[in-house]
Protein backbone atom coordinates (compact mmCIF):
# COMPACT_ATOMS: atom_id res chain seq x y z
CA UNK A 1 -3.08 -3.06 -7.10
CA UNK A 2 -0.47 -0.38 -7.44
CA UNK A 3 2.45 -1.64 -9.45
CA UNK A 4 5.21 -0.52 -11.74
CA UNK A 5 4.82 -2.16 -15.13
CA UNK A 6 8.23 -2.03 -16.68
CA UNK A 7 11.27 0.23 -16.73
CA UNK A 8 9.89 3.72 -16.06
CA UNK A 9 6.47 2.90 -17.50
CA UNK A 10 3.05 2.65 -15.90
CA UNK A 11 -0.43 1.93 -17.11
CA UNK A 12 -1.67 5.27 -18.38
CA UNK A 13 -5.22 6.51 -18.55
CA UNK A 14 -5.97 8.71 -21.59
CA UNK A 15 -5.14 12.32 -20.96
CA UNK A 16 -8.78 13.30 -21.25
CA UNK A 17 -9.51 11.40 -18.06
CA UNK A 18 -10.29 14.03 -15.45
CA UNK A 19 -8.68 12.12 -12.59
CA UNK A 20 -5.07 12.75 -13.54
CA UNK A 21 -5.03 16.14 -15.15
CA UNK A 22 -1.39 16.99 -14.64
CA UNK A 23 2.07 15.90 -15.57
CA UNK A 24 3.62 15.24 -18.91
CA UNK A 25 4.56 11.74 -17.79
CA UNK A 26 1.48 10.26 -19.45
CA UNK A 27 -0.82 11.13 -16.53
CA UNK A 28 0.42 8.11 -14.62
CA UNK A 29 -2.12 6.06 -12.69
CA UNK A 30 -0.18 5.27 -9.55
CA UNK A 31 -3.27 4.14 -7.72
CA UNK A 32 -4.05 0.83 -9.34
CA UNK A 33 -1.67 0.04 -12.20
CA UNK A 34 -1.39 -3.69 -12.75
CA UNK A 35 1.62 -5.74 -13.82
CA UNK A 36 2.06 -6.07 -17.58
CA UNK A 37 1.81 -9.84 -17.56
CA UNK A 38 -0.50 -12.58 -18.76
CA UNK A 39 -4.07 -11.42 -19.22
CA UNK A 40 -4.32 -9.21 -16.17
CA UNK A 41 -3.92 -5.81 -17.80
CA UNK A 42 -7.50 -4.62 -17.68
CA UNK A 43 -7.43 -1.03 -18.81
CA UNK A 44 -11.20 -0.93 -18.86
CA UNK A 45 -11.45 -2.01 -15.24
CA UNK A 46 -8.83 0.49 -14.12
CA UNK A 47 -10.43 3.23 -16.17
CA UNK A 48 -13.76 2.54 -14.50
CA UNK A 49 -12.13 2.72 -11.09
CA UNK A 50 -10.37 5.97 -11.83
CA UNK A 51 -13.24 7.54 -13.79
CA UNK A 52 -16.31 6.21 -12.06
CA UNK A 53 -18.57 9.00 -13.27
CA UNK A 54 -19.47 6.64 -16.12
CA UNK A 55 -21.99 5.18 -13.70
CA UNK A 56 -20.71 1.85 -12.41
CA UNK A 57 -23.39 2.01 -9.73
CA UNK A 58 -26.11 4.30 -8.51
CA UNK A 59 -25.25 7.06 -6.09
CA UNK A 60 -27.39 7.10 -2.96
CA UNK A 61 -29.96 9.88 -3.01
CA UNK A 62 -28.64 11.19 0.32
CA UNK A 63 -24.91 11.02 0.94
CA UNK A 64 -24.45 9.35 4.33
CA UNK A 65 -22.15 11.08 6.83
CA UNK A 66 -20.49 8.84 9.46
CA UNK A 67 -19.44 11.77 11.64
CA UNK A 68 -21.33 11.42 14.92
CA UNK A 69 -23.86 8.97 13.46
CA UNK A 70 -24.75 6.56 16.27
CA UNK A 71 -26.43 4.12 13.89
CA UNK A 72 -23.22 3.41 11.98
CA UNK A 73 -20.76 0.61 12.68
CA UNK A 74 -17.98 3.01 11.61
CA UNK A 75 -18.11 6.31 13.49
CA UNK A 76 -15.73 9.03 12.32
CA UNK A 77 -14.11 11.25 14.95
CA UNK A 78 -12.48 13.60 12.44
CA UNK A 79 -11.86 13.63 8.70
CA UNK A 80 -9.29 15.67 6.74
CA UNK A 81 -8.38 15.88 3.07
CA UNK A 82 -4.79 17.04 2.56
CA UNK A 83 -3.12 18.28 -0.60
CA UNK A 84 -3.35 20.88 -3.33
CA UNK A 85 -5.26 21.33 -6.56
CA UNK A 86 -3.36 18.55 -8.31
CA UNK A 87 -3.11 14.85 -7.34
CA UNK A 88 -1.93 13.84 -3.87
CA UNK A 89 -1.75 10.23 -2.63
CA UNK A 90 -1.23 8.80 0.87
CA UNK A 91 0.71 5.53 1.09
CA UNK A 92 1.87 5.15 4.71
CA UNK A 93 1.99 6.79 8.14
CA UNK A 94 3.41 6.09 11.58
CA UNK A 95 2.80 7.34 15.11
CA UNK A 96 5.60 9.42 16.62
CA UNK A 97 6.74 9.16 20.24
CA UNK A 98 4.88 12.34 21.24
CA UNK A 99 1.55 11.09 19.89
CA UNK A 100 1.60 12.89 16.54
CA UNK A 101 1.90 11.20 13.12
CA UNK A 102 4.31 11.24 10.21
CA UNK A 103 2.63 10.75 6.84
CA UNK A 104 4.20 10.04 3.46
CA UNK A 105 3.07 9.61 -0.11
CA UNK A 106 3.18 11.33 -3.46
CA UNK A 107 2.24 14.85 -4.54
CA UNK A 108 1.92 16.57 -7.88
CA UNK A 109 0.69 19.80 -6.27
CA UNK A 110 2.52 23.00 -5.45
CA UNK A 111 -0.31 24.94 -3.83
CA UNK A 112 -2.87 24.49 -1.10
CA UNK A 113 -1.07 22.65 1.69
CA UNK A 114 1.87 21.67 -0.53
CA UNK A 115 4.90 23.87 -1.14
CA UNK A 116 8.42 23.34 -2.46
CA UNK A 117 7.57 21.04 -5.35
CA UNK A 118 10.49 19.99 -7.55
CA UNK A 119 8.35 18.85 -10.50
CA UNK A 120 6.96 15.61 -11.96
CA UNK A 121 5.83 14.20 -8.62
CA UNK A 122 7.61 14.46 -5.26
CA UNK A 123 7.87 12.47 -2.07
CA UNK A 124 5.56 14.32 0.30
CA UNK A 125 6.21 14.06 4.04
CA UNK A 126 4.36 15.90 6.76
CA UNK A 127 3.89 15.87 10.49
CA UNK A 128 0.27 15.82 11.64
CA UNK A 129 -1.23 16.36 15.09
CA UNK A 130 -3.83 14.09 16.68
CA UNK A 131 -6.67 16.11 15.15
CA UNK A 132 -5.32 15.74 11.61
CA UNK A 133 -3.83 19.22 11.26
CA UNK A 134 -0.52 19.55 9.40
CA UNK A 135 2.29 20.92 11.61
CA UNK A 136 4.94 21.04 8.88
CA UNK A 137 5.32 19.58 5.39
CA UNK A 138 8.14 18.89 2.96
CA UNK A 139 8.08 18.07 -0.76
CA UNK A 140 11.32 16.18 -1.35
CA UNK A 141 12.80 15.06 -4.66
CA UNK A 142 14.41 16.00 -7.91
CA UNK A 143 13.30 16.95 -11.38
CA UNK A 144 12.02 13.43 -12.17
CA UNK A 145 9.41 11.31 -10.39
CA UNK A 146 9.88 10.63 -6.66
CA UNK A 147 7.49 9.12 -4.11
CA UNK A 148 7.36 8.05 -0.47
CA UNK A 149 6.02 4.56 0.13
CA UNK A 150 6.90 3.62 3.73
CA UNK A 151 7.82 5.45 6.93
CA UNK A 152 9.25 4.34 10.27
CA UNK A 153 10.05 6.30 13.43
CA UNK A 154 13.42 5.68 15.10
CA UNK A 155 13.83 5.32 18.88
CA UNK A 156 15.22 8.88 19.05
CA UNK A 157 12.11 10.18 17.21
CA UNK A 158 13.67 10.77 13.82
CA UNK A 159 11.77 9.80 10.67
CA UNK A 160 13.07 7.45 8.00
CA UNK A 161 11.08 7.44 4.77
CA UNK A 162 11.63 4.96 1.95
CA UNK A 163 10.28 5.14 -1.57
CA UNK A 164 11.26 5.31 -5.21
CA UNK A 165 13.10 7.87 -7.30
CA UNK A 166 13.99 8.46 -10.93
CA UNK A 167 15.85 11.68 -10.10
CA UNK A 168 19.54 12.42 -9.70
CA UNK A 169 19.49 16.11 -8.80
CA UNK A 170 18.24 18.55 -6.16
CA UNK A 171 17.42 16.41 -3.06
CA UNK A 172 18.48 13.16 -4.75
CA UNK A 173 22.01 11.97 -5.49
CA UNK A 174 23.66 8.68 -6.37
CA UNK A 175 21.05 7.29 -8.76
CA UNK A 176 22.30 4.04 -10.35
CA UNK A 177 20.12 4.26 -13.46
CA UNK A 178 16.38 4.37 -14.09
CA UNK A 179 14.32 3.99 -10.94
CA UNK A 180 16.08 3.33 -7.62
CA UNK A 181 14.89 2.71 -4.10
CA UNK A 182 15.42 5.92 -2.13
CA UNK A 183 15.70 6.36 1.65
CA UNK A 184 15.79 9.69 3.49
CA UNK A 185 16.24 10.42 7.20
CA UNK A 186 14.57 13.55 8.58
CA UNK A 187 14.79 15.23 11.96
CA UNK A 188 11.89 16.32 14.17
CA UNK A 189 11.37 19.46 12.06
CA UNK A 190 11.60 17.69 8.71
CA UNK A 191 15.17 18.74 7.90
CA UNK A 192 17.09 16.27 5.76
CA UNK A 193 19.87 14.46 7.67
CA UNK A 194 20.91 11.99 4.97
CA UNK A 195 19.63 10.35 1.80
CA UNK A 196 20.74 7.25 -0.10
CA UNK A 197 19.73 5.58 -3.35
CA UNK A 198 19.94 1.82 -3.82
CA UNK A 199 19.94 -0.27 -6.97
CA UNK A 200 21.64 -1.18 -10.18
CA UNK A 201 21.33 -0.37 -13.85
CA UNK A 202 17.85 -1.91 -14.02
CA UNK A 203 14.70 -0.95 -12.13
CA UNK A 204 14.21 -1.06 -8.37
CA UNK A 205 11.14 -0.16 -6.36
CA UNK A 206 9.11 -0.81 -3.24
CA UNK A 207 5.57 -0.49 -1.92
CA UNK A 208 4.10 0.57 1.39
CA UNK A 209 5.32 -0.85 4.72
CA UNK A 210 8.69 -1.87 3.34
CA UNK A 211 11.20 -0.40 5.82
CA UNK A 212 11.45 -1.35 9.51
CA UNK A 213 13.80 -0.66 12.41
CA UNK A 214 16.28 -3.34 13.47
CA UNK A 215 17.64 -3.84 17.02
CA UNK A 216 21.14 -2.64 16.07
CA UNK A 217 19.92 0.85 15.17
CA UNK A 218 19.78 0.13 11.45
CA UNK A 219 16.98 -0.78 9.08
CA UNK A 220 15.70 -3.63 6.95
CA UNK A 221 13.99 -2.80 3.69
CA UNK A 222 12.18 -4.83 1.05
CA UNK A 223 11.74 -4.09 -2.63
CA UNK A 224 12.08 -5.57 -6.07
CA UNK A 225 14.86 -5.40 -8.65
CA UNK A 226 15.63 -6.25 -12.26
CA UNK A 227 19.33 -5.51 -11.77
CA UNK A 228 22.32 -7.76 -11.19
CA UNK A 229 25.04 -5.14 -10.75
CA UNK A 230 26.08 -2.24 -8.48
CA UNK A 231 24.21 -2.82 -5.20
CA UNK A 232 22.43 -5.95 -6.44
CA UNK A 233 23.79 -9.47 -6.78
CA UNK A 234 22.28 -12.94 -7.05
CA UNK A 235 19.38 -12.11 -9.37
CA UNK A 236 17.57 -15.29 -10.43
CA UNK A 237 16.35 -13.85 -13.73
CA UNK A 238 13.69 -11.33 -14.68
CA UNK A 239 12.57 -9.43 -11.60
CA UNK A 240 13.39 -10.58 -8.05
CA UNK A 241 12.31 -9.66 -4.55
CA UNK A 242 15.18 -7.76 -2.89
CA UNK A 243 15.91 -7.61 0.85
CA UNK A 244 18.51 -5.08 2.00
CA UNK A 245 20.01 -4.53 5.47
CA UNK A 246 21.41 -1.04 6.06
CA UNK A 247 23.05 0.56 9.09
CA UNK A 248 21.90 3.70 10.89
CA UNK A 249 23.46 5.99 8.28
CA UNK A 250 22.11 4.10 5.27
CA UNK A 251 25.15 2.02 4.32
CA UNK A 252 24.41 -1.45 2.95
CA UNK A 253 25.51 -4.26 5.28
CA UNK A 254 24.12 -7.12 3.19
CA UNK A 255 21.52 -7.83 0.55
CA UNK A 256 19.66 -10.89 -0.75
CA UNK A 257 17.53 -11.54 -3.80
CA UNK A 258 14.68 -14.07 -3.83
CA UNK A 259 12.70 -15.43 -6.73
CA UNK A 260 12.70 -17.49 -9.88
CA UNK A 261 13.26 -16.91 -13.55
CA UNK A 262 9.98 -15.04 -14.10
CA UNK A 263 8.63 -11.94 -12.29
CA UNK A 264 8.60 -11.62 -8.51
CA UNK A 265 7.14 -8.61 -6.67
CA UNK A 266 7.59 -7.46 -3.09
CA UNK A 267 4.70 -6.31 -0.92
CA UNK A 268 5.75 -5.71 2.70
CA UNK A 269 8.10 -6.64 5.53
CA UNK A 270 7.56 -7.35 9.24
CA UNK A 271 9.50 -8.41 12.31
CA UNK A 272 8.35 -11.78 13.65
CA UNK A 273 7.77 -12.41 17.36
CA UNK A 274 11.02 -14.40 17.54
CA UNK A 275 13.12 -11.60 16.04
CA UNK A 276 13.28 -13.05 12.54
CA UNK A 277 11.60 -11.39 9.55
CA UNK A 278 8.53 -12.09 7.44
CA UNK A 279 8.41 -11.21 3.75
CA UNK A 280 5.25 -11.10 1.67
CA UNK A 281 5.21 -10.74 -2.10
CA UNK A 282 3.79 -12.45 -5.16
CA UNK A 283 5.24 -14.25 -8.11
CA UNK A 284 4.54 -16.02 -11.37
CA UNK A 285 7.78 -18.02 -11.11
CA UNK A 286 7.83 -21.73 -10.39
CA UNK A 287 11.54 -22.36 -9.92
CA UNK A 288 14.43 -21.07 -7.85
CA UNK A 289 13.06 -19.96 -4.48
CA UNK A 290 9.45 -20.21 -5.69
CA UNK A 291 7.69 -23.58 -5.76
CA UNK A 292 4.08 -24.70 -5.97
CA UNK A 293 2.72 -21.98 -8.26
CA UNK A 294 -1.00 -22.54 -8.96
CA UNK A 295 -1.15 -20.39 -12.10
CA UNK A 296 -0.60 -16.73 -12.98
CA UNK A 297 0.59 -14.72 -9.93
CA UNK A 298 0.47 -16.35 -6.50
CA UNK A 299 1.16 -14.96 -3.05
CA UNK A 300 4.64 -15.89 -1.80
CA UNK A 301 5.62 -15.50 1.83
CA UNK A 302 8.88 -16.39 3.51
CA UNK A 303 10.38 -16.26 6.96
CA UNK A 304 14.07 -15.32 6.97
CA UNK A 305 16.66 -14.98 9.71
CA UNK A 306 18.74 -11.92 10.58
CA UNK A 307 21.10 -12.67 7.70
CA UNK A 308 18.34 -13.14 5.13
CA UNK A 309 18.49 -16.95 5.00
CA UNK A 310 15.13 -18.57 4.26
CA UNK A 311 13.70 -20.53 7.20
CA UNK A 312 10.46 -21.47 5.45
CA UNK A 313 8.46 -20.33 2.44
CA UNK A 314 4.91 -20.83 1.17
CA UNK A 315 2.92 -20.16 -2.00
CA UNK A 316 -0.86 -19.53 -1.94
CA UNK A 317 -3.30 -19.03 -4.78
CA UNK A 318 -5.45 -20.38 -7.57
CA UNK A 319 -5.47 -20.27 -11.35
CA UNK A 320 -5.96 -16.49 -11.45
CA UNK A 321 -4.12 -13.55 -9.94
CA UNK A 322 -3.68 -13.84 -6.17
CA UNK A 323 -1.74 -11.31 -4.12
CA UNK A 324 -1.37 -10.47 -0.45
CA UNK A 325 -0.05 -7.17 0.79
CA UNK A 326 0.38 -7.14 4.56
CA UNK A 327 0.68 -9.30 7.70
CA UNK A 328 -0.97 -8.72 11.05
CA UNK A 329 -0.04 -10.98 13.99
CA UNK A 330 -2.95 -12.79 15.64
CA UNK A 331 -3.55 -13.84 19.24
CA UNK A 332 -2.90 -17.52 18.48
CA UNK A 333 0.65 -16.83 17.27
CA UNK A 334 -0.25 -16.90 13.59
CA UNK A 335 -0.94 -14.18 11.06
CA UNK A 336 -3.76 -12.73 9.02
CA UNK A 337 -2.95 -11.52 5.47
CA UNK A 338 -5.01 -9.26 3.24
CA UNK A 339 -5.02 -8.91 -0.52
CA UNK A 340 -6.92 -9.57 -3.71
CA UNK A 341 -7.87 -12.49 -5.95
CA UNK A 342 -9.64 -13.24 -9.20
CA UNK A 343 -9.18 -17.01 -9.02
CA UNK A 344 -12.53 -18.69 -9.74
CA UNK A 345 -12.81 -20.77 -6.54
CA UNK A 346 -9.96 -23.11 -7.31
CA UNK A 347 -6.60 -23.92 -5.78
CA UNK A 348 -6.48 -22.31 -2.35
CA UNK A 349 -9.19 -19.74 -3.09
CA UNK A 350 -12.75 -20.02 -1.75
CA UNK A 351 -15.75 -17.71 -1.86
CA UNK A 352 -14.93 -15.77 -5.05
CA UNK A 353 -17.85 -13.58 -6.24
CA UNK A 354 -16.59 -12.41 -9.65
CA UNK A 355 -14.09 -9.90 -11.10
CA UNK A 356 -11.54 -9.12 -8.34
CA UNK A 357 -12.42 -9.78 -4.69
CA UNK A 358 -10.77 -8.81 -1.44
CA UNK A 359 -8.96 -11.89 -0.16
CA UNK A 360 -8.03 -12.77 3.43
CA UNK A 361 -5.72 -15.65 4.38
CA UNK A 362 -5.18 -16.95 7.92
CA UNK A 363 -1.96 -18.86 8.55
CA UNK A 364 -0.26 -20.39 11.58
CA UNK A 365 3.20 -19.46 12.86
CA UNK A 366 4.84 -21.73 10.27
CA UNK A 367 2.92 -20.40 7.27
CA UNK A 368 0.40 -23.22 7.00
CA UNK A 369 -2.96 -21.99 5.72
CA UNK A 370 -5.75 -22.40 8.28
CA UNK A 371 -8.50 -20.73 6.25
CA UNK A 372 -9.08 -18.23 3.47
CA UNK A 373 -12.07 -16.22 2.28
CA UNK A 374 -12.82 -14.01 -0.70
CA UNK A 375 -15.13 -11.08 0.05
CA UNK A 376 -16.86 -8.84 -2.43
CA UNK A 377 -19.40 -8.51 -5.19
CA UNK A 378 -19.68 -9.10 -8.91
CA UNK A 379 -17.73 -5.85 -9.37
CA UNK A 380 -14.20 -4.81 -8.33
CA UNK A 381 -12.74 -5.00 -4.83
CA UNK A 382 -9.22 -4.63 -3.51
CA UNK A 383 -7.89 -4.66 0.04
CA UNK A 384 -4.74 -2.84 1.18
CA UNK A 385 -5.45 -2.58 4.92
CA UNK A 386 -6.19 -4.96 7.79
CA UNK A 387 -5.88 -4.83 11.56
CA UNK A 388 -7.16 -6.51 14.71
CA UNK A 389 -9.94 -5.15 16.92
CA UNK A 390 -10.08 -4.90 20.72
CA UNK A 391 -12.29 -8.00 20.93
CA UNK A 392 -9.76 -10.11 19.02
CA UNK A 393 -11.55 -10.06 15.67
CA UNK A 394 -10.28 -8.57 12.40
CA UNK A 395 -11.08 -5.35 10.56
CA UNK A 396 -10.65 -5.33 6.80
CA UNK A 397 -10.15 -2.00 4.98
CA UNK A 398 -10.99 -2.48 1.30
CA UNK A 399 -12.62 -0.52 -1.50
CA UNK A 400 -15.42 -1.47 -3.85
CA UNK A 401 -17.74 -0.31 -6.59
CA UNK A 402 -20.13 -3.21 -5.97
CA UNK A 403 -23.73 -3.40 -4.81
CA UNK A 404 -24.38 -7.11 -4.48
CA UNK A 405 -22.85 -10.17 -2.87
CA UNK A 406 -21.28 -9.08 0.42
CA UNK A 407 -21.59 -5.34 -0.39
CA UNK A 408 -24.64 -3.27 0.50
CA UNK A 409 -25.51 0.44 0.65
CA UNK A 410 -22.92 1.94 -1.70
CA UNK A 411 -22.41 5.69 -1.61
CA UNK A 412 -21.03 6.50 -5.06
CA UNK A 413 -18.01 5.83 -7.25
CA UNK A 414 -15.54 3.60 -5.42
CA UNK A 415 -16.18 3.50 -1.69
CA UNK A 416 -13.97 2.52 1.22
CA UNK A 417 -15.45 -0.73 2.51
CA UNK A 418 -14.92 -1.84 6.10
CA UNK A 419 -15.64 -5.45 6.98
CA UNK A 420 -15.42 -6.84 10.50
CA UNK A 421 -14.52 -10.53 10.49
CA UNK A 422 -14.68 -13.12 13.23
CA UNK A 423 -11.58 -15.17 14.01
CA UNK A 424 -13.09 -17.88 11.77
CA UNK A 425 -13.39 -15.47 8.83
CA UNK A 426 -17.14 -14.88 8.97
CA UNK A 427 -18.57 -11.41 8.33
CA UNK A 428 -19.78 -9.75 11.55
CA UNK A 429 -20.78 -6.53 9.76
CA UNK A 430 -19.81 -4.49 6.71
CA UNK A 431 -20.19 -0.81 5.87
CA UNK A 432 -19.12 1.61 3.15
CA UNK A 433 -17.83 5.13 3.81
CA UNK A 434 -16.80 7.98 1.52
CA UNK A 435 -18.46 10.45 -0.79
CA UNK A 436 -19.87 10.52 -4.30
CA UNK A 437 -16.39 10.41 -5.88
CA UNK A 438 -13.80 7.65 -5.45
CA UNK A 439 -12.01 6.60 -2.25
CA UNK A 440 -9.34 4.10 -1.27
CA UNK A 441 -7.79 3.11 2.06
CA UNK A 442 -4.13 2.04 2.25
CA UNK A 443 -3.42 1.74 5.96
CA UNK A 444 -5.16 1.35 9.33
CA UNK A 445 -3.31 2.05 12.58
CA UNK A 446 -4.83 1.06 15.95
CA UNK A 447 -4.62 3.87 18.50
CA UNK A 448 -4.10 3.62 22.30
CA UNK A 449 -7.66 4.85 22.99
CA UNK A 450 -9.19 2.01 20.96
CA UNK A 451 -9.87 4.09 17.86
CA UNK A 452 -8.15 3.74 14.47
CA UNK A 453 -6.28 6.12 12.17
CA UNK A 454 -6.84 5.36 8.49
CA UNK A 455 -5.46 6.91 5.33
CA UNK A 456 -5.84 6.71 1.58
CA UNK A 457 -7.01 9.05 -1.15
CA UNK A 458 -10.29 10.59 -2.32
CA UNK A 459 -11.80 12.66 -5.12
CA UNK A 460 -14.95 13.46 -3.12
CA UNK A 461 -15.94 16.77 -1.56
CA UNK A 462 -19.05 15.55 0.23
CA UNK A 463 -20.24 12.82 2.55
CA UNK A 464 -17.47 11.71 4.88
CA UNK A 465 -14.68 13.61 3.09
CA UNK A 466 -13.96 17.06 4.51
CA UNK A 467 -11.80 19.84 3.06
CA UNK A 468 -11.09 18.53 -0.43
CA UNK A 469 -8.63 20.70 -2.41
CA UNK A 470 -9.18 19.31 -5.93
CA UNK A 471 -8.36 16.22 -8.02
CA UNK A 472 -7.15 13.38 -5.73
CA UNK A 473 -6.37 14.39 -2.16
CA UNK A 474 -4.86 12.40 0.63
CA UNK A 475 -7.70 11.44 2.98
CA UNK A 476 -6.98 10.74 6.65
CA UNK A 477 -9.46 10.18 9.44
CA UNK A 478 -9.89 8.54 12.82
CA UNK A 479 -12.83 6.32 13.68
CA UNK A 480 -14.25 3.90 16.20
CA UNK A 481 -16.18 0.72 15.44
CA UNK A 482 -19.13 -0.93 17.13
């Protein structure tokens, strides 16, 4: 999981760790920092993920390449690593109306493919053609830490990018204190049209797929907040989920907070088939808007109307940590959700293998759970990406350092792990891709030709990863599946 811990602090790996070699801000581990709650801070686990050269598993003698390999379930069409010699992370992308892509994330580089850095981590936005080549790029931010988490394309082909900022200079103005949510609108060439910060005197933030277009030409965005002043009202205590409606120029039209008296995180936001909105997050509250907590953090989903009023809400989980990140609509009118669990086969959780597993939940149109499955090994898995396939089944994009249970044929370090599931949640096939370093996948986008665009990050310079610049690079690729 990738989460802010507290006001302007993140889990930090010791500076000797070779993954995050730059930045005075404690070499922040933005990839998989976990909430500072209960017993779930597992520095050792995160350190193993980010510094896998300690030998979590054996590297295959021959690094498998999925480019043009007819025997593979996953067949890469092209593969590109983007970035500079420092750390670069990909969090979201969207297809533009002319068939190109807009990509956003975080960069610490100011060389290679990255120019214009403002220091201490910038929002990085670039336009990419259908072969993965960068057309233009912009590093946007101030002198503090800034990152892009979510991007949407407007009907007139402008780009709206949402993320987080601690800055209040250079490209950023209007900071309310600490970290704010930050939204920028860019034109077709990447020129800044407007920017707005949102928040209060506490901490605000968001994660990927958290801003969407609305029919009136504005936007809906989802985040979290510890504030109860300035732009924020109605906080239930601690940290709440925060839904904000803005118009086409970024002005707030209304806002709502959801949660209880403990800590509530946002994950992502979607438009439902009936024009209402679906929120997914997770919480360790058991009061206010949150009921039925099973222990530790549970997934919380809600359907809200166009004014933010709750139509229904559900809590899923077990006695451990259970989170879901994204929704995908299914052919039967329901939804499939992806995430992670370490609940030991109790509560709503079935099939747990040990440590953290990828977790998939199938619900109907009213949020009632139809089935759930945990997928993985005795080692660590997480799952940020899921989509549907042309035959109506599901494709899970996870990552793993395992070599038992559901996982076979690891490549090295942490691998991207694709799992095709039937509509009943059974494994059709599974396959790892990557190199001898570490890889993650954060998003999968189905393409009109039946292929998929995927993106995440990688430290590899072999196997399936092409063109690595150093440290962590963004890794984007298209692929087909059998």
